[in-house]
C-alpha cells in the first residue's frame, strides 16, 4: 500500500473495507493517537501508515 495523505473514506477503500468497519476497528487504537486525529478531515502519511499497520493485524471475517 502506498502511504499518502488521505481522508478516512479513501483509507477504507484502500484497505478494501467499509467506512463503518474502519470506524469500528479504529475504536481499538491507542486513545492518545485517536485524540491526536480527532476532528481532522485529512490524515497525514505517518498516521495512515500507523492505522494501516494496526488494522492489518486484526482478523477479517472468513469468506465462504
Protein backbone atom coordinates (compact mmCIF):
# COMPACT_ATOMS: atom_id res chain seq x y z
CA UNK A 1 0.00 0.00 0.00
CA UNK A 2 1.24 3.48 -0.85
CA UNK A 3 1.11 5.75 2.18
CA UNK A 4 -0.08 9.23 1.28
CA UNK A 5 -2.25 11.94 2.76
CA UNK A 6 -5.90 10.84 2.53
CA UNK A 7 -9.21 11.03 4.33
CA UNK A 8 -10.86 8.15 6.18
CA UNK A 9 -13.12 7.23 3.25
CA UNK A 10 -10.13 6.86 0.92
CA UNK A 11 -8.31 4.83 3.57
CA UNK A 12 -11.26 2.45 3.89
CA UNK A 13 -11.29 1.97 0.11
CA UNK A 14 -7.53 1.28 0.09
CA UNK A 15 -7.97 -1.31 2.85
CA UNK A 16 -10.95 -2.80 0.97
CA UNK A 17 -13.27 -2.44 3.95
CA UNK A 18 -16.35 -0.31 4.53
CA UNK A 19 -16.21 3.01 6.28
CA UNK A 20 -18.16 1.63 9.24
CA UNK A 21 -15.73 -1.28 9.59
CA UNK A 22 -12.82 1.16 9.59
CA UNK A 23 -14.58 3.19 12.28
CA UNK A 24 -15.14 0.09 14.46
CA UNK A 25 -11.55 -1.04 14.09
CA UNK A 26 -10.22 2.43 14.85
CA UNK A 27 -12.03 2.31 18.21
CA UNK A 28 -9.38 -0.20 19.36
CA UNK A 29 -6.47 2.13 18.54
CA UNK A 30 -4.38 3.95 21.14
CA UNK A 31 -6.57 6.60 22.85
CA UNK A 32 -3.77 9.18 22.67
CA UNK A 33 -3.49 8.67 18.90
CA UNK A 34 -7.26 8.93 18.47
CA UNK A 35 -7.24 12.21 20.38
CA UNK A 36 -4.48 13.50 18.08
CA UNK A 37 -6.51 12.88 14.90
CA UNK A 38 -9.90 13.78 16.39
CA UNK A 39 -11.88 16.19 14.23
CA UNK A 40 -9.38 16.24 11.37
CA UNK A 41 -10.66 15.51 7.87
CA UNK A 42 -7.31 14.60 6.29
CA UNK A 43 -4.86 12.08 7.76
CA UNK A 44 -1.14 12.55 7.22
CA UNK A 45 1.10 9.86 5.69
CA UNK A 46 2.54 8.66 9.00
CA UNK A 47 -0.96 8.49 10.53
CA UNK A 48 -2.24 6.46 7.58
CA UNK A 49 0.73 4.11 7.95
CA UNK A 50 0.07 3.66 11.68
CA UNK A 51 -3.64 2.95 11.14
CA UNK A 52 -2.90 0.50 8.32
CA UNK A 53 -0.32 -1.38 10.39
CA UNK A 54 -2.65 -1.60 13.38
CA UNK A 55 -5.75 -2.60 11.41
CA UNK A 56 -3.99 -5.07 9.12
CA UNK A 57 -3.07 -7.11 12.20
CA UNK A 58 -6.75 -7.52 13.04
CA UNK A 59 -8.53 -10.61 11.75
CA UNK A 60 -11.05 -10.36 8.91
CA UNK A 61 -14.17 -12.47 8.77
CA UNK A 62 -13.61 -15.59 6.65
CA UNK A 63 -15.31 -15.57 3.30
CA UNK A 64 -17.48 -18.54 2.44
